[in-house]
PDB file of all heavy atoms in Angstrom:
ATOM      1  N   LYS A   1      16.516  -4.435  -4.790  1.00  0.00           N
ATOM      2  CA  LYS A   1      16.992  -4.190  -6.149  1.00  0.00           C
ATOM      3  C   LYS A   1      16.465  -2.909  -6.770  1.00  0.00           C
ATOM      4  O   LYS A   1      17.051  -2.378  -7.687  1.00  0.00           O
ATOM      5  CB  LYS A   1      16.601  -5.359  -7.054  1.00  0.00           C
ATOM      6  CG  LYS A   1      17.300  -6.645  -6.709  1.00  0.00           C
ATOM      7  CD  LYS A   1      16.935  -7.730  -7.683  1.00  0.00           C
ATOM      8  CE  LYS A   1      17.638  -9.010  -7.317  1.00  0.00           C
ATOM      9  NZ  LYS A   1      17.320 -10.097  -8.206  1.00  0.00           N
ATOM     10  N   TYR A   2      15.342  -2.425  -6.296  1.00  0.00           N
ATOM     11  CA  TYR A   2      14.744  -1.248  -6.919  1.00  0.00           C
ATOM     12  C   TYR A   2      13.862  -0.523  -5.905  1.00  0.00           C
ATOM     13  O   TYR A   2      13.668  -0.987  -4.783  1.00  0.00           O
ATOM     14  CB  TYR A   2      13.938  -1.636  -8.164  1.00  0.00           C
ATOM     15  CG  TYR A   2      12.886  -2.693  -7.914  1.00  0.00           C
ATOM     16  CD1 TYR A   2      11.625  -2.342  -7.441  1.00  0.00           C
ATOM     17  CD2 TYR A   2      13.148  -4.030  -8.151  1.00  0.00           C
ATOM     18  CE1 TYR A   2      10.677  -3.302  -7.188  1.00  0.00           C
ATOM     19  CE2 TYR A   2      12.189  -4.996  -7.904  1.00  0.00           C
ATOM     20  CZ  TYR A   2      10.949  -4.625  -7.421  1.00  0.00           C
ATOM     21  OH  TYR A   2      10.006  -5.571  -7.172  1.00  0.00           O
ATOM     22  N   HIS A   3      13.321   0.608  -6.331  1.00  0.00           N
ATOM     23  CA  HIS A   3      12.362   1.371  -5.538  1.00  0.00           C
ATOM     24  C   HIS A   3      11.002   1.278  -6.225  1.00  0.00           C
ATOM     25  O   HIS A   3      10.920   1.273  -7.451  1.00  0.00           O
ATOM     26  CB  HIS A   3      12.751   2.847  -5.462  1.00  0.00           C
ATOM     27  CG  HIS A   3      13.808   3.158  -4.466  1.00  0.00           C
ATOM     28  ND1 HIS A   3      15.092   2.695  -4.551  1.00  0.00           N
ATOM     29  CD2 HIS A   3      13.758   3.911  -3.338  1.00  0.00           C
ATOM     30  CE1 HIS A   3      15.800   3.151  -3.537  1.00  0.00           C
ATOM     31  NE2 HIS A   3      15.011   3.898  -2.785  1.00  0.00           N
ATOM     32  N   LEU A   4       9.943   1.215  -5.444  1.00  0.00           N
ATOM     33  CA  LEU A   4       8.597   1.355  -5.954  1.00  0.00           C
ATOM     34  C   LEU A   4       8.167   2.785  -5.676  1.00  0.00           C
ATOM     35  O   LEU A   4       8.192   3.218  -4.520  1.00  0.00           O
ATOM     36  CB  LEU A   4       7.634   0.412  -5.241  1.00  0.00           C
ATOM     37  CG  LEU A   4       7.577  -1.024  -5.707  1.00  0.00           C
ATOM     38  CD1 LEU A   4       6.608  -1.814  -4.834  1.00  0.00           C
ATOM     39  CD2 LEU A   4       7.158  -1.110  -7.157  1.00  0.00           C
ATOM     40  N   LEU A   5       7.801   3.518  -6.719  1.00  0.00           N
ATOM     41  CA  LEU A   5       7.389   4.905  -6.564  1.00  0.00           C
ATOM     42  C   LEU A   5       5.963   5.077  -7.048  1.00  0.00           C
ATOM     43  O   LEU A   5       5.563   4.478  -8.049  1.00  0.00           O
ATOM     44  CB  LEU A   5       8.292   5.835  -7.371  1.00  0.00           C
ATOM     45  CG  LEU A   5       9.601   6.301  -6.727  1.00  0.00           C
ATOM     46  CD1 LEU A   5      10.502   5.174  -6.359  1.00  0.00           C
ATOM     47  CD2 LEU A   5      10.299   7.276  -7.633  1.00  0.00           C
ATOM     48  N   LYS A   6       5.230   5.914  -6.335  1.00  0.00           N
ATOM     49  CA  LYS A   6       3.873   6.281  -6.738  1.00  0.00           C
ATOM     50  C   LYS A   6       3.829   7.799  -6.782  1.00  0.00           C
ATOM     51  O   LYS A   6       4.085   8.471  -5.797  1.00  0.00           O
ATOM     52  CB  LYS A   6       2.862   5.737  -5.721  1.00  0.00           C
ATOM     53  CG  LYS A   6       1.440   6.264  -5.873  1.00  0.00           C
ATOM     54  CD  LYS A   6       0.790   5.795  -7.158  1.00  0.00           C
ATOM     55  CE  LYS A   6      -0.664   6.246  -7.268  1.00  0.00           C
ATOM     56  NZ  LYS A   6      -0.821   7.603  -7.757  1.00  0.00           N
ATOM     57  N   PHE A   7       3.565   8.335  -7.976  1.00  0.00           N
ATOM     58  CA  PHE A   7       3.486   9.772  -8.175  1.00  0.00           C
ATOM     59  C   PHE A   7       2.031  10.222  -8.152  1.00  0.00           C
ATOM     60  O   PHE A   7       1.139   9.490  -8.606  1.00  0.00           O
ATOM     61  CB  PHE A   7       4.110  10.172  -9.524  1.00  0.00           C
ATOM     62  CG  PHE A   7       5.570   9.888  -9.635  1.00  0.00           C
ATOM     63  CD1 PHE A   7       6.026   8.838 -10.414  1.00  0.00           C
ATOM     64  CD2 PHE A   7       6.497  10.662  -8.956  1.00  0.00           C
ATOM     65  CE1 PHE A   7       7.382   8.579 -10.532  1.00  0.00           C
ATOM     66  CE2 PHE A   7       7.853  10.410  -9.061  1.00  0.00           C
ATOM     67  CZ  PHE A   7       8.296   9.363  -9.845  1.00  0.00           C
ATOM     68  N   HIS A   8       1.790  11.447  -7.662  1.00  0.00           N
ATOM     69  CA  HIS A   8       0.473  12.056  -7.808  1.00  0.00           C
ATOM     70  C   HIS A   8       0.207  12.167  -9.309  1.00  0.00           C
ATOM     71  O   HIS A   8       1.129  12.322 -10.105  1.00  0.00           O
ATOM     72  CB  HIS A   8       0.444  13.459  -7.182  1.00  0.00           C
ATOM     73  CG  HIS A   8       0.539  13.450  -5.691  1.00  0.00           C
ATOM     74  ND1 HIS A   8      -0.514  13.134  -4.870  1.00  0.00           N
ATOM     75  CD2 HIS A   8       1.588  13.695  -4.866  1.00  0.00           C
ATOM     76  CE1 HIS A   8      -0.144  13.205  -3.613  1.00  0.00           C
ATOM     77  NE2 HIS A   8       1.148  13.539  -3.577  1.00  0.00           N
ATOM     78  N   ASP A   9      -1.014  12.100  -9.718  1.00  0.00           N
ATOM     79  CA  ASP A   9      -1.446  12.220 -11.117  1.00  0.00           C
ATOM     80  C   ASP A   9      -1.133  10.987 -11.973  1.00  0.00           C
ATOM     81  O   ASP A   9      -1.510  10.943 -13.136  1.00  0.00           O
ATOM     82  CB  ASP A   9      -0.862  13.454 -11.816  1.00  0.00           C
ATOM     83  CG  ASP A   9      -1.277  14.757 -11.155  1.00  0.00           C
ATOM     84  OD1 ASP A   9      -2.401  14.812 -10.616  1.00  0.00           O
ATOM     85  OD2 ASP A   9      -0.480  15.702 -11.174  1.00  0.00           O
ATOM     86  N   ILE A  10      -0.421  10.022 -11.441  1.00  0.00           N
ATOM     87  CA  ILE A  10      -0.236   8.749 -12.147  1.00  0.00           C
ATOM     88  C   ILE A  10      -1.046   7.744 -11.332  1.00  0.00           C
ATOM     89  O   ILE A  10      -0.574   7.231 -10.320  1.00  0.00           O
ATOM     90  CB  ILE A  10       1.253   8.311 -12.208  1.00  0.00           C
ATOM     91  CG1 ILE A  10       2.119   9.390 -12.830  1.00  0.00           C
ATOM     92  CG2 ILE A  10       1.394   6.976 -12.927  1.00  0.00           C
ATOM     93  CD1 ILE A  10       1.993   9.549 -14.321  1.00  0.00           C
ATOM     94  N   ASP A  11      -2.292   7.503 -11.770  1.00  0.00           N
ATOM     95  CA  ASP A  11      -3.192   6.736 -10.918  1.00  0.00           C
ATOM     96  C   ASP A  11      -3.726   5.449 -11.549  1.00  0.00           C
ATOM     97  O   ASP A  11      -4.649   4.835 -11.028  1.00  0.00           O
ATOM     98  CB  ASP A  11      -4.348   7.616 -10.440  1.00  0.00           C
ATOM     99  CG  ASP A  11      -5.037   8.340 -11.583  1.00  0.00           C
ATOM    100  OD1 ASP A  11      -4.760   8.018 -12.754  1.00  0.00           O
ATOM    101  OD2 ASP A  11      -5.853   9.233 -11.295  1.00  0.00           O
ATOM    102  N   ASP A  12      -3.144   5.044 -12.680  1.00  0.00           N
ATOM    103  CA  ASP A  12      -3.515   3.749 -13.240  1.00  0.00           C
ATOM    104  C   ASP A  12      -2.339   3.172 -14.021  1.00  0.00           C
ATOM    105  O   ASP A  12      -1.346   3.846 -14.276  1.00  0.00           O
ATOM    106  CB  ASP A  12      -4.783   3.836 -14.099  1.00  0.00           C
ATOM    107  CG  ASP A  12      -4.632   4.715 -15.333  1.00  0.00           C
ATOM    108  OD1 ASP A  12      -3.592   4.633 -16.018  1.00  0.00           O
ATOM    109  OD2 ASP A  12      -5.567   5.476 -15.619  1.00  0.00           O
ATOM    110  N   ARG A  13      -2.455   1.929 -14.380  1.00  0.00           N
ATOM    111  CA  ARG A  13      -1.369   1.213 -15.050  1.00  0.00           C
ATOM    112  C   ARG A  13      -1.013   1.833 -16.406  1.00  0.00           C
ATOM    113  O   ARG A  13       0.153   1.889 -16.782  1.00  0.00           O
ATOM    114  CB  ARG A  13      -1.738  -0.260 -15.212  1.00  0.00           C
ATOM    115  CG  ARG A  13      -0.611  -1.128 -15.704  1.00  0.00           C
ATOM    116  CD  ARG A  13      -0.990  -2.611 -15.646  1.00  0.00           C
ATOM    117  NE  ARG A  13       0.070  -3.446 -16.122  1.00  0.00           N
ATOM    118  CZ  ARG A  13       1.096  -3.873 -15.402  1.00  0.00           C
ATOM    119  NH1 ARG A  13       1.190  -3.523 -14.140  1.00  0.00           N
ATOM    120  NH2 ARG A  13       2.027  -4.646 -15.929  1.00  0.00           N
ATOM    121  N   ASP A  14      -2.002   2.311 -17.147  1.00  0.00           N
ATOM    122  CA  ASP A  14      -1.736   2.915 -18.461  1.00  0.00           C
ATOM    123  C   ASP A  14      -0.880   4.168 -18.329  1.00  0.00           C
ATOM    124  O   ASP A  14       0.068   4.364 -19.093  1.00  0.00           O
ATOM    125  CB  ASP A  14      -3.044   3.248 -19.181  1.00  0.00           C
ATOM    126  CG  ASP A  14      -3.790   2.005 -19.648  1.00  0.00           C
ATOM    127  OD1 ASP A  14      -3.144   0.945 -19.816  1.00  0.00           O
ATOM    128  OD2 ASP A  14      -5.019   2.092 -19.836  1.00  0.00           O
ATOM    129  N   LYS A  15      -1.210   5.026 -17.376  1.00  0.00           N
ATOM    130  CA  LYS A  15      -0.402   6.232 -17.157  1.00  0.00           C
ATOM    131  C   LYS A  15       0.999   5.856 -16.686  1.00  0.00           C
ATOM    132  O   LYS A  15       1.980   6.488 -17.086  1.00  0.00           O
ATOM    133  CB  LYS A  15      -1.072   7.159 -16.142  1.00  0.00           C
ATOM    134  CG  LYS A  15      -2.299   7.854 -16.678  1.00  0.00           C
ATOM    135  CD  LYS A  15      -2.905   8.761 -15.629  1.00  0.00           C
ATOM    136  CE  LYS A  15      -4.171   9.423 -16.139  1.00  0.00           C
ATOM    137  NZ  LYS A  15      -4.823  10.244 -15.102  1.00  0.00           N
ATOM    138  N   ALA A  16       1.091   4.843 -15.863  1.00  0.00           N
ATOM    139  CA  ALA A  16       2.404   4.379 -15.395  1.00  0.00           C
ATOM    140  C   ALA A  16       3.221   3.825 -16.566  1.00  0.00           C
ATOM    141  O   ALA A  16       4.419   4.069 -16.672  1.00  0.00           O
ATOM    142  CB  ALA A  16       2.243   3.318 -14.308  1.00  0.00           C
ATOM    143  N   PHE A  17       2.573   3.107 -17.445  1.00  0.00           N
ATOM    144  CA  PHE A  17       3.264   2.537 -18.601  1.00  0.00           C
ATOM    145  C   PHE A  17       3.831   3.646 -19.501  1.00  0.00           C
ATOM    146  O   PHE A  17       4.895   3.496 -20.091  1.00  0.00           O
ATOM    147  CB  PHE A  17       2.320   1.636 -19.394  1.00  0.00           C
ATOM    148  CG  PHE A  17       2.997   0.885 -20.495  1.00  0.00           C
ATOM    149  CD1 PHE A  17       3.803  -0.216 -20.209  1.00  0.00           C
ATOM    150  CD2 PHE A  17       2.861   1.280 -21.813  1.00  0.00           C
ATOM    151  CE1 PHE A  17       4.454  -0.904 -21.223  1.00  0.00           C
ATOM    152  CE2 PHE A  17       3.513   0.603 -22.831  1.00  0.00           C
ATOM    153  CZ  PHE A  17       4.308  -0.493 -22.530  1.00  0.00           C
ATOM    154  N   ASN A  18       3.143   4.795 -19.582  1.00  0.00           N
ATOM    155  CA  ASN A  18       3.590   5.907 -20.426  1.00  0.00           C
ATOM    156  C   ASN A  18       4.895   6.542 -19.960  1.00  0.00           C
ATOM    157  O   ASN A  18       5.564   7.218 -20.747  1.00  0.00           O
ATOM    158  CB  ASN A  18       2.507   6.985 -20.515  1.00  0.00           C
ATOM    159  CG  ASN A  18       1.336   6.543 -21.353  1.00  0.00           C
ATOM    160  OD1 ASN A  18       1.454   5.680 -22.214  1.00  0.00           O
ATOM    161  ND2 ASN A  18       0.178   7.120 -21.085  1.00  0.00           N
ATOM    162  N   ILE A  19       5.267   6.359 -18.708  1.00  0.00           N
ATOM    163  CA  ILE A  19       6.521   6.946 -18.223  1.00  0.00           C
ATOM    164  C   ILE A  19       7.635   5.903 -18.090  1.00  0.00           C
ATOM    165  O   ILE A  19       8.728   6.230 -17.651  1.00  0.00           O
ATOM    166  CB  ILE A  19       6.323   7.716 -16.890  1.00  0.00           C
ATOM    167  CG1 ILE A  19       5.854   6.790 -15.780  1.00  0.00           C
ATOM    168  CG2 ILE A  19       5.392   8.898 -17.094  1.00  0.00           C
ATOM    169  CD1 ILE A  19       5.845   7.436 -14.395  1.00  0.00           C
ATOM    170  N   CYS A  20       7.342   4.683 -18.485  1.00  0.00           N
ATOM    171  CA  CYS A  20       8.348   3.619 -18.367  1.00  0.00           C
ATOM    172  C   CYS A  20       9.437   3.762 -19.421  1.00  0.00           C
ATOM    173  O   CYS A  20       9.241   4.378 -20.464  1.00  0.00           O
ATOM    174  CB  CYS A  20       7.684   2.253 -18.495  1.00  0.00           C
ATOM    175  SG  CYS A  20       6.769   1.848 -17.021  1.00  0.00           S
ATOM    176  N   ASP A  21      10.584   3.185 -19.108  1.00  0.00           N
ATOM    177  CA  ASP A  21      11.766   3.195 -19.975  1.00  0.00           C
ATOM    178  C   ASP A  21      12.294   4.618 -20.173  1.00  0.00           C
ATOM    179  O   ASP A  21      12.850   4.937 -21.210  1.00  0.00           O
ATOM    180  CB  ASP A  21      11.461   2.526 -21.310  1.00  0.00           C
ATOM    181  CG  ASP A  21      12.736   2.026 -21.981  1.00  0.00           C
ATOM    182  OD1 ASP A  21      13.668   1.637 -21.253  1.00  0.00           O
ATOM    183  OD2 ASP A  21      12.801   2.045 -23.221  1.00  0.00           O
ATOM    184  N   LYS A  22      12.082   5.482 -19.169  1.00  0.00           N
ATOM    185  CA  LYS A  22      12.594   6.852 -19.206  1.00  0.00           C
ATOM    186  C   LYS A  22      13.456   7.090 -17.975  1.00  0.00           C
ATOM    187  O   LYS A  22      13.272   6.451 -16.944  1.00  0.00           O
ATOM    188  CB  LYS A  22      11.447   7.857 -19.234  1.00  0.00           C
ATOM    189  CG  LYS A  22      10.572   7.739 -20.477  1.00  0.00           C
ATOM    190  CD  LYS A  22       9.614   8.887 -20.565  1.00  0.00           C
ATOM    191  CE  LYS A  22       8.670   8.785 -21.726  1.00  0.00           C
ATOM    192  NZ  LYS A  22       9.224   8.603 -23.019  1.00  0.00           N
ATOM    193  N   LYS A  23      14.404   8.011 -18.110  1.00  0.00           N
ATOM    194  CA  LYS A  23      15.248   8.375 -16.972  1.00  0.00           C
ATOM    195  C   LYS A  23      14.468   9.252 -16.012  1.00  0.00           C
ATOM    196  O   LYS A  23      13.629  10.047 -16.423  1.00  0.00           O
ATOM    197  CB  LYS A  23      16.498   9.118 -17.440  1.00  0.00           C
ATOM    198  CG  LYS A  23      17.510   8.237 -18.124  1.00  0.00           C
ATOM    199  CD  LYS A  23      18.754   9.026 -18.470  1.00  0.00           C
ATOM    200  CE  LYS A  23      19.772   8.145 -19.171  1.00  0.00           C
ATOM    201  NZ  LYS A  23      20.975   8.909 -19.526  1.00  0.00           N
ATOM    202  N   LEU A  24      14.792   9.105 -14.740  1.00  0.00           N
ATOM    203  CA  LEU A  24      14.190   9.908 -13.682  1.00  0.00           C
ATOM    204  C   LEU A  24      15.238  10.897 -13.192  1.00  0.00           C
ATOM    205  O   LEU A  24      16.371  10.504 -12.903  1.00  0.00           O
ATOM    206  CB  LEU A  24      13.734   8.998 -12.542  1.00  0.00           C
ATOM    207  CG  LEU A  24      12.972   9.656 -11.404  1.00  0.00           C
ATOM    208  CD1 LEU A  24      11.623  10.176 -11.897  1.00  0.00           C
ATOM    209  CD2 LEU A  24      12.751   8.648 -10.288  1.00  0.00           C
ATOM    210  N   TYR A  25      14.868  12.165 -13.108  1.00  0.00           N
ATOM    211  CA  TYR A  25      15.789  13.231 -12.738  1.00  0.00           C
ATOM    212  C   TYR A  25      15.306  13.956 -11.489  1.00  0.00           C
ATOM    213  O   TYR A  25      14.112  13.975 -11.194  1.00  0.00           O
ATOM    214  CB  TYR A  25      15.873  14.287 -13.854  1.00  0.00           C
ATOM    215  CG  TYR A  25      16.416  13.790 -15.163  1.00  0.00           C
ATOM    216  CD1 TYR A  25      15.599  13.128 -16.076  1.00  0.00           C
ATOM    217  CD2 TYR A  25      17.735  14.006 -15.514  1.00  0.00           C
ATOM    218  CE1 TYR A  25      16.090  12.693 -17.299  1.00  0.00           C
ATOM    219  CE2 TYR A  25      18.239  13.572 -16.741  1.00  0.00           C
ATOM    220  CZ  TYR A  25      17.410  12.920 -17.618  1.00  0.00           C
ATOM    221  OH  TYR A  25      17.904  12.492 -18.824  1.00  0.00           O
ATOM    222  N   VAL A  26      16.258  14.576 -10.806  1.00  0.00           N
ATOM    223  CA  VAL A  26      15.958  15.542  -9.756  1.00  0.00           C
ATOM    224  C   VAL A  26      16.811  16.775 -10.031  1.00  0.00           C
ATOM    225  O   VAL A  26      17.774  16.722 -10.791  1.00  0.00           O
ATOM    226  CB  VAL A  26      16.227  14.998  -8.331  1.00  0.00           C
ATOM    227  CG1 VAL A  26      15.301  13.837  -8.004  1.00  0.00           C
ATOM    228  CG2 VAL A  26      17.656  14.590  -8.157  1.00  0.00           C
ATOM    229  N   LEU A  27      16.453  17.879  -9.396  1.00  0.00           N
ATOM    230  CA  LEU A  27      17.238  19.097  -9.559  1.00  0.00           C
ATOM    231  C   LEU A  27      18.464  19.062  -8.664  1.00  0.00           C
ATOM    232  O   LEU A  27      18.407  18.575  -7.532  1.00  0.00           O
ATOM    233  CB  LEU A  27      16.396  20.330  -9.234  1.00  0.00           C
ATOM    234  CG  LEU A  27      15.276  20.630 -10.210  1.00  0.00           C
ATOM    235  CD1 LEU A  27      14.441  21.798  -9.707  1.00  0.00           C
ATOM    236  CD2 LEU A  27      15.830  20.925 -11.598  1.00  0.00           C
ATOM    237  N   ARG A  28      19.552  19.575  -9.180  1.00  0.00           N
ATOM    238  CA  ARG A  28      20.811  19.628  -8.440  1.00  0.00           C
ATOM    239  C   ARG A  28      20.623  20.276  -7.070  1.00  0.00           C
ATOM    240  O   ARG A  28      21.131  19.789  -6.077  1.00  0.00           O
ATOM    241  CB  ARG A  28      21.857  20.390  -9.257  1.00  0.00           C
ATOM    242  CG  ARG A  28      23.225  20.461  -8.624  1.00  0.00           C
ATOM    243  CD  ARG A  28      24.190  21.250  -9.511  1.00  0.00           C
ATOM    244  NE  ARG A  28      24.374  20.636 -10.814  1.00  0.00           N
ATOM    245  CZ  ARG A  28      25.232  19.650 -11.065  1.00  0.00           C
ATOM    246  NH1 ARG A  28      26.001  19.187 -10.102  1.00  0.00           N
ATOM    247  NH2 ARG A  28      25.349  19.152 -12.277  1.00  0.00           N
TER     248      ARG A  28
END
């Protein structure tokens, strides 16, 4: 149903929570 992603510089739950409910983009 979904992907689990782990980004560099996002290393705890609080930082992860700060990017939630936002769209994820890539460059064309």
